[in-house]
Amino acid sequence: MRASKHEGVSLPEFQSIDFDPSTGREKTPTPDSAAASAGDESSPGIFSRIRSGFYGLHLARFASPGLRFGFFIMGLLGSVLTASGLLLWTLKRSKDYRKSGGKMAAFRLVEILNIAAITGVIVAIGAFFWANRLLPAGIEGRADREVQCFLWAWAATLGHALLRPSRKAWVEQLYLVAALFLLLPALDVALDSTFAREAFRTGDAAYLGCLAAWLLIGFLSAGIARRLGGVWGKNHGEEKRTKPEAPEPVDELSTG
């Protein structure tokens, strides 16, 4: 087991604590382990202190629950700001791309990367949650395998965006996000219904907060996908109707 004591923002390196597996009590440190611990308590270097500072800011254990929630909201707003900038850049140049007949390779590349960076990351997060539940508890290197599932899912969304038209890729990945997050509670009940019932009975704030976030993400993604699919389908139909028809050939004999 690893633990850390800290005051302020920065978090120090973790220290190991050994427990007896049969009794659950903390083991008395041996002379060798005590010497090793004493050696680990040397003054940290500048890079270690910088890392501890950023790590502490990331975890925000110094903050109250309300302040942590504020950090979470600000992080969401920052993500929305970044995503909206990426989308506005492509929307502004989409007409030029269509006029060029799809010859603007750089624009197409940005479109693909936008899809993978926005919806693709959310799909990968959903895949990570599913891997966390479906991988056997005793499998070797379980934490690394969860990360691998995240990366493979992210790579799959990049390939999907590469192979599909951009509008269809957006809608399909948003529906996939909705499915992954809306089905997570059902997966929890299917795997361990006792835990889910106990979380509701005791008012487990951490789990119930995650549950609310999953449902919010799922319903928002489904709503956005449905909205985009309807708008883009309508616009595509209007473009077909307003497309100028080729002039009919003129019969020179009849006009003569």
C-alpha atoms as a PDB file:
ATOM      1  CA  MET A   1       0.000   0.000   0.000  1.00  0.00           C
ATOM      2  CA  ARG A   2       1.185   3.527  -0.715  1.00  0.00           C
ATOM      3  CA  ALA A   3       0.330   6.642   1.263  1.00  0.00           C
ATOM      4  CA  SER A   4       1.426  10.251   1.381  1.00  0.00           C
ATOM      5  CA  LYS A   5       1.157  13.006   3.952  1.00  0.00           C
ATOM      6  CA  HIS A   6       1.011  16.526   2.670  1.00  0.00           C
ATOM      7  CA  GLU A   7       0.257  20.083   3.643  1.00  0.00           C
ATOM      8  CA  GLY A   8      -0.575  22.732   1.084  1.00  0.00           C
ATOM      9  CA  VAL A   9      -0.832  22.264  -2.661  1.00  0.00           C
ATOM     10  CA  SER A  10       2.100  20.007  -3.573  1.00  0.00           C
ATOM     11  CA  LEU A  11       2.066  16.258  -2.969  1.00  0.00           C
ATOM     12  CA  PRO A  12       5.276  14.448  -1.976  1.00  0.00           C
ATOM     13  CA  GLU A  13       6.340  11.080  -3.289  1.00  0.00           C
ATOM     14  CA  PHE A  14       4.416   8.089  -1.969  1.00  0.00           C
ATOM     15  CA  GLN A  15       5.832   6.020   0.864  1.00  0.00           C
ATOM     16  CA  SER A  16       5.204   2.288   1.207  1.00  0.00           C
ATOM     17  CA  ILE A  17       3.384   0.721   4.152  1.00  0.00           C
ATOM     18  CA  ASP A  18       3.431  -3.071   4.590  1.00  0.00           C
ATOM     19  CA  PHE A  19       0.486  -4.992   6.046  1.00  0.00           C
ATOM     20  CA  ASP A  20       0.289  -8.582   7.217  1.00  0.00           C
ATOM     21  CA  PRO A  21      -2.061 -10.382   4.773  1.00  0.00           C
ATOM     22  CA  SER A  22      -3.375 -12.734   7.486  1.00  0.00           C
ATOM     23  CA  THR A  23      -4.176 -10.150  10.183  1.00  0.00           C
ATOM     24  CA  GLY A  24      -4.440  -6.903   8.233  1.00  0.00           C
ATOM     25  CA  ARG A  25      -2.181  -5.155  10.737  1.00  0.00           C
ATOM     26  CA  GLU A  26       0.706  -2.930   9.795  1.00  0.00           C
ATOM     27  CA  LYS A  27       4.014  -4.765   9.850  1.00  0.00           C
ATOM     28  CA  THR A  28       6.798  -3.576  12.103  1.00  0.00           C
ATOM     29  CA  PRO A  29       9.528  -2.174   9.847  1.00  0.00           C
ATOM     30  CA  THR A  30      12.721  -4.214   9.751  1.00  0.00           C
ATOM     31  CA  PRO A  31      16.139  -2.522  10.089  1.00  0.00           C
ATOM     32  CA  ASP A  32      16.673  -2.868   6.335  1.00  0.00           C
ATOM     33  CA  SER A  33      13.309  -1.346   5.439  1.00  0.00           C
ATOM     34  CA  ALA A  34      13.783   1.442   7.996  1.00  0.00           C
ATOM     35  CA  ALA A  35      17.155   2.272   6.482  1.00  0.00           C
ATOM     36  CA  ALA A  36      15.619   2.286   3.020  1.00  0.00           C
ATOM     37  CA  SER A  37      12.846   4.614   4.197  1.00  0.00           C
ATOM     38  CA  ALA A  38      15.383   6.911   5.787  1.00  0.00           C
ATOM     39  CA  GLY A  39      17.265   7.006   2.532  1.00  0.00           C
ATOM     40  CA  ASP A  40      14.083   7.948   0.674  1.00  0.00           C
ATOM     41  CA  GLU A  41      13.523  10.996   2.896  1.00  0.00           C
ATOM     42  CA  SER A  42      16.389  12.938   1.372  1.00  0.00           C
ATOM     43  CA  SER A  43      15.640  16.464   0.222  1.00  0.00           C
ATOM     44  CA  PRO A  44      13.837  16.353  -3.156  1.00  0.00           C
ATOM     45  CA  GLY A  45      15.361  18.071  -6.165  1.00  0.00           C
ATOM     46  CA  ILE A  46      13.891  20.949  -8.138  1.00  0.00           C
ATOM     47  CA  PHE A  47      12.269  18.713 -10.752  1.00  0.00           C
ATOM     48  CA  SER A  48      10.714  16.516  -8.058  1.00  0.00           C
ATOM     49  CA  ARG A  49       9.252  19.584  -6.353  1.00  0.00           C
ATOM     50  CA  ILE A  50       7.845  20.877  -9.667  1.00  0.00           C
ATOM     51  CA  ARG A  51       6.272  17.498 -10.350  1.00  0.00           C
ATOM     52  CA  SER A  52       4.783  17.373  -6.846  1.00  0.00           C
ATOM     53  CA  GLY A  53       3.326  20.842  -7.334  1.00  0.00           C
ATOM     54  CA  PHE A  54       1.619  19.997 -10.621  1.00  0.00           C
ATOM     55  CA  TYR A  55       0.455  16.636  -9.255  1.00  0.00           C
ATOM     56  CA  GLY A  56      -1.052  18.344  -6.233  1.00  0.00           C
ATOM     57  CA  LEU A  57      -2.847  20.875  -8.426  1.00  0.00           C
ATOM     58  CA  HIS A  58      -4.184  18.057 -10.577  1.00  0.00           C
ATOM     59  CA  LEU A  59      -5.643  16.089  -7.646  1.00  0.00           C
ATOM     60  CA  ALA A  60      -6.733  19.240  -5.740  1.00  0.00           C
ATOM     61  CA  ARG A  61      -6.775  17.442  -2.399  1.00  0.00           C
ATOM     62  CA  PHE A  62      -6.071  20.758  -0.726  1.00  0.00           C
ATOM     63  CA  ALA A  63      -9.482  22.070  -1.823  1.00  0.00           C
ATOM     64  CA  SER A  64     -12.926  21.636  -0.311  1.00  0.00           C
ATOM     65  CA  PRO A  65     -15.550  19.591  -2.228  1.00  0.00           C
ATOM     66  CA  GLY A  66     -17.220  22.793  -3.423  1.00  0.00           C
ATOM     67  CA  LEU A  67     -13.954  24.180  -4.769  1.00  0.00           C
ATOM     68  CA  ARG A  68     -13.172  20.865  -6.468  1.00  0.00           C
ATOM     69  CA  PHE A  69     -16.547  20.998  -8.184  1.00  0.00           C
ATOM     70  CA  GLY A  70     -15.716  24.543  -9.292  1.00  0.00           C
ATOM     71  CA  PHE A  71     -12.430  23.301 -10.760  1.00  0.00           C
ATOM     72  CA  PHE A  72     -14.369  20.568 -12.558  1.00  0.00           C
ATOM     73  CA  ILE A  73     -16.800  23.079 -14.082  1.00  0.00           C
ATOM     74  CA  MET A  74     -13.938  25.339 -15.155  1.00  0.00           C
ATOM     75  CA  GLY A  75     -12.235  22.365 -16.775  1.00  0.00           C
ATOM     76  CA  LEU A  76     -15.414  21.568 -18.697  1.00  0.00           C
ATOM     77  CA  LEU A  77     -15.740  25.176 -19.843  1.00  0.00           C
ATOM     78  CA  GLY A  78     -12.119  25.160 -20.989  1.00  0.00           C
ATOM     79  CA  SER A  79     -12.742  21.982 -22.973  1.00  0.00           C
ATOM     80  CA  VAL A  80     -15.860  23.500 -24.558  1.00  0.00           C
ATOM     81  CA  LEU A  81     -13.877  26.622 -25.445  1.00  0.00           C
ATOM     82  CA  THR A  82     -11.173  24.560 -27.151  1.00  0.00           C
ATOM     83  CA  ALA A  83     -13.657  22.334 -28.983  1.00  0.00           C
ATOM     84  CA  SER A  84     -15.726  25.284 -30.204  1.00  0.00           C
ATOM     85  CA  GLY A  85     -12.602  26.940 -31.595  1.00  0.00           C
ATOM     86  CA  LEU A  86     -11.695  23.796 -33.514  1.00  0.00           C
ATOM     87  CA  LEU A  87     -15.214  23.501 -34.910  1.00  0.00           C
ATOM     88  CA  LEU A  88     -15.472  27.166 -35.899  1.00  0.00           C
ATOM     89  CA  TRP A  89     -12.194  26.903 -37.807  1.00  0.00           C
ATOM     90  CA  THR A  90     -13.497  23.997 -39.884  1.00  0.00           C
ATOM     91  CA  LEU A  91     -16.981  25.455 -40.386  1.00  0.00           C
ATOM     92  CA  LYS A  92     -15.508  28.676 -41.727  1.00  0.00           C
ATOM     93  CA  ARG A  93     -13.517  26.776 -44.348  1.00  0.00           C
ATOM     94  CA  SER A  94     -16.028  24.042 -45.179  1.00  0.00           C
ATOM     95  CA  LYS A  95     -17.497  25.941 -48.145  1.00  0.00           C
ATOM     96  CA  ASP A  96     -14.054  26.340 -49.703  1.00  0.00           C
ATOM     97  CA  TYR A  97     -13.474  22.614 -49.185  1.00  0.00           C
ATOM     98  CA  ARG A  98     -16.710  21.710 -50.970  1.00  0.00           C
ATOM     99  CA  LYS A  99     -15.949  24.115 -53.815  1.00  0.00           C
ATOM    100  CA  SER A 100     -12.538  22.518 -54.288  1.00  0.00           C
ATOM    101  CA  GLY A 101     -14.158  19.120 -54.807  1.00  0.00           C
ATOM    102  CA  GLY A 102     -12.461  17.634 -51.755  1.00  0.00           C
ATOM    103  CA  LYS A 103      -8.942  18.532 -52.892  1.00  0.00           C
ATOM    104  CA  MET A 104      -7.959  20.407 -49.704  1.00  0.00           C
ATOM    105  CA  ALA A 105      -6.072  17.610 -47.964  1.00  0.00           C
ATOM    106  CA  ALA A 106      -5.075  19.793 -45.007  1.00  0.00           C
ATOM    107  CA  PHE A 107      -8.702  20.663 -44.283  1.00  0.00           C
ATOM    108  CA  ARG A 108      -9.722  17.017 -44.400  1.00  0.00           C
ATOM    109  CA  LEU A 109      -6.894  16.159 -42.011  1.00  0.00           C
ATOM    110  CA  VAL A 110      -8.079  18.801 -39.540  1.00  0.00           C
ATOM    111  CA  GLU A 111     -11.632  17.448 -39.776  1.00  0.00           C
ATOM    112  CA  ILE A 112     -10.445  13.932 -38.960  1.00  0.00           C
ATOM    113  CA  LEU A 113      -8.303  15.103 -36.047  1.00  0.00           C
ATOM    114  CA  ASN A 114     -11.165  17.222 -34.674  1.00  0.00           C
ATOM    115  CA  ILE A 115     -13.483  14.227 -34.566  1.00  0.00           C
ATOM    116  CA  ALA A 116     -10.866  12.062 -32.863  1.00  0.00           C
ATOM    117  CA  ALA A 117      -9.894  14.816 -30.417  1.00  0.00           C
ATOM    118  CA  ILE A 118     -13.445  15.714 -29.351  1.00  0.00           C
ATOM    119  CA  THR A 119     -15.818  12.750 -29.594  1.00  0.00           C
ATOM    120  CA  GLY A 120     -13.012  10.196 -29.926  1.00  0.00           C
ATOM    121  CA  VAL A 121     -11.567  11.007 -26.508  1.00  0.00           C
ATOM    122  CA  ILE A 122     -15.006  10.683 -24.889  1.00  0.00           C
ATOM    123  CA  VAL A 123     -15.504   7.306 -26.588  1.00  0.00           C
ATOM    124  CA  ALA A 124     -12.110   6.219 -25.240  1.00  0.00           C
ATOM    125  CA  ILE A 125     -13.064   7.326 -21.714  1.00  0.00           C
ATOM    126  CA  GLY A 126     -16.237   5.267 -21.959  1.00  0.00           C
ATOM    127  CA  ALA A 127     -14.200   2.286 -23.161  1.00  0.00           C
ATOM    128  CA  PHE A 128     -11.884   2.759 -20.173  1.00  0.00           C
ATOM    129  CA  PHE A 129     -14.845   2.552 -17.777  1.00  0.00           C
ATOM    130  CA  TRP A 130     -16.085  -0.604 -19.494  1.00  0.00           C
ATOM    131  CA  ALA A 131     -12.620  -2.174 -19.365  1.00  0.00           C
ATOM    132  CA  ASN A 132     -12.411  -1.328 -15.658  1.00  0.00           C
ATOM    133  CA  ARG A 133     -15.510  -3.435 -15.079  1.00  0.00           C
ATOM    134  CA  LEU A 134     -15.015  -6.277 -17.552  1.00  0.00           C
ATOM    135  CA  LEU A 135     -11.328  -7.137 -17.120  1.00  0.00           C
ATOM    136  CA  PRO A 136     -10.767  -9.922 -14.564  1.00  0.00           C
ATOM    137  CA  ALA A 137      -9.712  -8.569 -11.168  1.00  0.00           C
ATOM    138  CA  GLY A 138      -6.736 -10.918 -10.887  1.00  0.00           C
ATOM    139  CA  ILE A 139      -5.302 -10.367 -14.352  1.00  0.00           C
ATOM    140  CA  GLU A 140      -1.646  -9.379 -14.443  1.00  0.00           C
ATOM    141  CA  GLY A 141      -1.000  -5.719 -15.236  1.00  0.00           C
ATOM    142  CA  ARG A 142      -4.683  -4.843 -15.022  1.00  0.00           C
ATOM    143  CA  ALA A 143      -4.140  -1.087 -14.742  1.00  0.00           C
ATOM    144  CA  ASP A 144      -1.921  -1.085 -17.830  1.00  0.00           C
ATOM    145  CA  ARG A 145      -4.505  -3.084 -19.765  1.00  0.00           C
ATOM    146  CA  GLU A 146      -7.177  -0.523 -18.919  1.00  0.00           C
ATOM    147  CA  VAL A 147      -4.950   2.207 -20.340  1.00  0.00           C
ATOM    148  CA  GLN A 148      -4.346   0.073 -23.433  1.00  0.00           C
ATOM    149  CA  CYS A 149      -8.111  -0.257 -23.941  1.00  0.00           C
ATOM    150  CA  PHE A 150      -8.383   3.524 -23.753  1.00  0.00           C
ATOM    151  CA  LEU A 151      -5.650   4.008 -26.356  1.00  0.00           C
ATOM    152  CA  TRP A 152      -6.976   1.308 -28.698  1.00  0.00           C
ATOM    153  CA  ALA A 153     -10.476   2.784 -28.540  1.00  0.00           C
ATOM    154  CA  TRP A 154      -9.074   6.234 -29.268  1.00  0.00           C
ATOM    155  CA  ALA A 155      -7.128   4.869 -32.238  1.00  0.00           C
ATOM    156  CA  ALA A 156     -10.303   3.168 -33.488  1.00  0.00           C
ATOM    157  CA  THR A 157     -12.181   6.479 -33.475  1.00  0.00           C
ATOM    158  CA  LEU A 158      -9.377   8.020 -35.512  1.00  0.00           C
ATOM    159  CA  GLY A 159      -9.656   5.230 -38.078  1.00  0.00           C
ATOM    160  CA  HIS A 160     -13.439   5.590 -38.115  1.00  0.00           C
ATOM    161  CA  ALA A 161     -13.155   9.328 -38.781  1.00  0.00           C
ATOM    162  CA  LEU A 162     -10.681   8.606 -41.578  1.00  0.00           C
ATOM    163  CA  LEU A 163     -12.968   6.122 -43.331  1.00  0.00           C
ATOM    164  CA  ARG A 164     -16.339   7.824 -42.891  1.00  0.00           C
ATOM    165  CA  PRO A 165     -17.637  11.172 -44.208  1.00  0.00           C
ATOM    166  CA  SER A 166     -17.158  13.783 -41.504  1.00  0.00           C
ATOM    167  CA  ARG A 167     -20.854  14.451 -40.870  1.00  0.00           C
ATOM    168  CA  LYS A 168     -21.651  10.759 -40.487  1.00  0.00           C
ATOM    169  CA  ALA A 169     -18.577  10.230 -38.308  1.00  0.00           C
ATOM    170  CA  TRP A 170     -19.692  12.967 -35.898  1.00  0.00           C
ATOM    171  CA  VAL A 171     -23.194  11.540 -35.543  1.00  0.00           C
ATOM    172  CA  GLU A 172     -22.100   7.900 -35.266  1.00  0.00           C
ATOM    173  CA  GLN A 173     -19.470   8.593 -32.627  1.00  0.00           C
ATOM    174  CA  LEU A 174     -21.893  10.719 -30.605  1.00  0.00           C
ATOM    175  CA  TYR A 175     -24.387   7.857 -30.611  1.00  0.00           C
ATOM    176  CA  LEU A 176     -21.577   5.524 -29.516  1.00  0.00           C
ATOM    177  CA  VAL A 177     -20.764   7.878 -26.628  1.00  0.00           C
ATOM    178  CA  ALA A 178     -24.427   7.827 -25.620  1.00  0.00           C
ATOM    179  CA  ALA A 179     -24.544   4.028 -25.678  1.00  0.00           C
ATOM    180  CA  LEU A 180     -21.329   3.595 -23.680  1.00  0.00           C
ATOM    181  CA  PHE A 181     -22.326   5.962 -20.875  1.00  0.00           C
ATOM    182  CA  LEU A 182     -26.061   5.239 -20.684  1.00  0.00           C
ATOM    183  CA  LEU A 183     -25.420   1.496 -20.422  1.00  0.00           C
ATOM    184  CA  LEU A 184     -22.777   1.824 -17.685  1.00  0.00           C
ATOM    185  CA  PRO A 185     -25.328   1.766 -14.815  1.00  0.00           C
ATOM    186  CA  ALA A 186     -26.948  -1.335 -16.317  1.00  0.00           C
ATOM    187  CA  LEU A 187     -23.513  -2.960 -16.546  1.00  0.00           C
ATOM    188  CA  ASP A 188     -22.851  -2.201 -12.876  1.00  0.00           C
ATOM    189  CA  VAL A 189     -26.155  -3.788 -11.880  1.00  0.00           C
ATOM    190  CA  ALA A 190     -25.493  -6.837 -14.068  1.00  0.00           C
ATOM    191  CA  LEU A 191     -22.018  -7.392 -12.618  1.00  0.00           C
ATOM    192  CA  ASP A 192     -22.716  -6.572  -8.960  1.00  0.00           C
ATOM    193  CA  SER A 193     -26.280  -5.590  -8.132  1.00  0.00           C
ATOM    194  CA  THR A 194     -25.498  -5.653  -4.396  1.00  0.00           C
ATOM    195  CA  PHE A 195     -22.978  -2.831  -4.752  1.00  0.00           C
ATOM    196  CA  ALA A 196     -25.408  -0.692  -6.764  1.00  0.00           C
ATOM    197  CA  ARG A 197     -28.219  -1.182  -4.228  1.00  0.00           C
ATOM    198  CA  GLU A 198     -25.868  -0.443  -1.348  1.00  0.00           C
ATOM    199  CA  ALA A 199     -24.665   2.750  -3.046  1.00  0.00           C
ATOM    200  CA  PHE A 200     -28.243   3.992  -3.328  1.00  0.00           C
ATOM    201  CA  ARG A 201     -29.127   2.892   0.199  1.00  0.00           C
ATOM    202  CA  THR A 202     -26.161   4.595   1.844  1.00  0.00           C
ATOM    203  CA  GLY A 203     -26.156   7.616  -0.452  1.00  0.00           C
ATOM    204  CA  ASP A 204     -22.633   7.023  -1.776  1.00  0.00           C
ATOM    205  CA  ALA A 205     -21.923  10.529  -3.065  1.00  0.00           C
ATOM    206  CA  ALA A 206     -18.918   9.513  -5.178  1.00  0.00           C
ATOM    207  CA  TYR A 207     -20.749   6.767  -7.065  1.00  0.00           C
ATOM    208  CA  LEU A 208     -24.032   8.656  -7.387  1.00  0.00           C
ATOM    209  CA  GLY A 209     -22.165  11.699  -8.690  1.00  0.00           C
ATOM    210  CA  CYS A 210     -20.472   9.548 -11.329  1.00  0.00           C
ATOM    211  CA  LEU A 211     -23.829   7.993 -12.195  1.00  0.00           C
ATOM    212  CA  ALA A 212     -25.384  11.427 -12.715  1.00  0.00           C
ATOM    213  CA  ALA A 213     -22.440  12.486 -14.894  1.00  0.00           C
ATOM    214  CA  TRP A 214     -22.716   9.330 -17.038  1.00  0.00           C
ATOM    215  CA  LEU A 215     -26.426   9.882 -17.629  1.00  0.00           C
ATOM    216  CA  LEU A 216     -25.886  13.570 -18.406  1.00  0.00           C
ATOM    217  CA  ILE A 217     -23.139  12.803 -20.931  1.00  0.00           C
ATOM    218  CA  GLY A 218     -25.195  10.012 -22.489  1.00  0.00           C
ATOM    219  CA  PHE A 219     -28.404  11.994 -22.937  1.00  0.00           C
ATOM    220  CA  LEU A 220     -26.572  15.112 -24.144  1.00  0.00           C
ATOM    221  CA  SER A 221     -24.630  13.085 -26.717  1.00  0.00           C
ATOM    222  CA  ALA A 222     -27.787  11.366 -27.971  1.00  0.00           C
ATOM    223  CA  GLY A 223     -29.603  14.702 -28.214  1.00  0.00           C
ATOM    224  CA  ILE A 224     -26.754  16.392 -30.081  1.00  0.00           C
ATOM    225  CA  ALA A 225     -26.404  13.433 -32.458  1.00  0.00           C
ATOM    226  CA  ARG A 226     -30.111  13.468 -33.222  1.00  0.00           C
ATOM    227  CA  ARG A 227     -30.066  17.228 -33.745  1.00  0.00           C
ATOM    228  CA  LEU A 228     -27.023  17.178 -36.016  1.00  0.00           C
ATOM    229  CA  GLY A 229     -28.347  14.245 -38.006  1.00  0.00           C
ATOM    230  CA  GLY A 230     -31.633  16.037 -38.630  1.00  0.00           C
ATOM    231  CA  VAL A 231     -30.079  19.386 -39.557  1.00  0.00           C
ATOM    232  CA  TRP A 232     -27.420  17.917 -41.839  1.00  0.00           C
ATOM    233  CA  GLY A 233     -29.934  15.599 -43.492  1.00  0.00           C
ATOM    234  CA  LYS A 234     -32.269  18.533 -44.157  1.00  0.00           C
ATOM    235  CA  ASN A 235     -29.456  20.686 -45.540  1.00  0.00           C
ATOM    236  CA  HIS A 236     -28.285  17.852 -47.778  1.00  0.00           C
ATOM    237  CA  GLY A 237     -31.791  17.493 -49.207  1.00  0.00           C
ATOM    238  CA  GLU A 238     -32.040  21.224 -49.842  1.00  0.00           C
ATOM    239  CA  GLU A 239     -28.671  21.233 -51.601  1.00  0.00           C
ATOM    240  CA  LYS A 240     -29.909  18.497 -53.937  1.00  0.00           C
ATOM    241  CA  ARG A 241     -33.118  20.397 -54.726  1.00  0.00           C
ATOM    242  CA  THR A 242     -31.354  23.708 -55.345  1.00  0.00           C
ATOM    243  CA  LYS A 243     -28.546  22.243 -57.448  1.00  0.00           C
ATOM    244  CA  PRO A 244     -28.781  23.811 -60.948  1.00  0.00           C
ATOM    245  CA  GLU A 245     -29.734  21.376 -63.650  1.00  0.00           C
ATOM    246  CA  ALA A 246     -27.716  21.064 -66.847  1.00  0.00           C
ATOM    247  CA  PRO A 247     -29.306  22.927 -69.810  1.00  0.00           C
ATOM    248  CA  GLU A 248     -31.146  20.762 -72.286  1.00  0.00           C
ATOM    249  CA  PRO A 249     -29.488  20.390 -75.711  1.00  0.00           C
ATOM    250  CA  VAL A 250     -30.958  22.633 -78.381  1.00  0.00           C
ATOM    251  CA  ASP A 251     -32.182  21.034 -81.591  1.00  0.00           C
ATOM    252  CA  GLU A 252     -30.613  23.157 -84.345  1.00  0.00           C
ATOM    253  CA  LEU A 253     -32.997  21.797 -86.999  1.00  0.00           C
ATOM    254  CA  SER A 254     -36.055  22.849 -85.032  1.00  0.00           C
ATOM    255  CA  THR A 255     -34.664  26.340 -84.460  1.00  0.00           C
ATOM    256  CA  GLY A 256     -33.670  26.735 -88.078  1.00  0.00           C
END
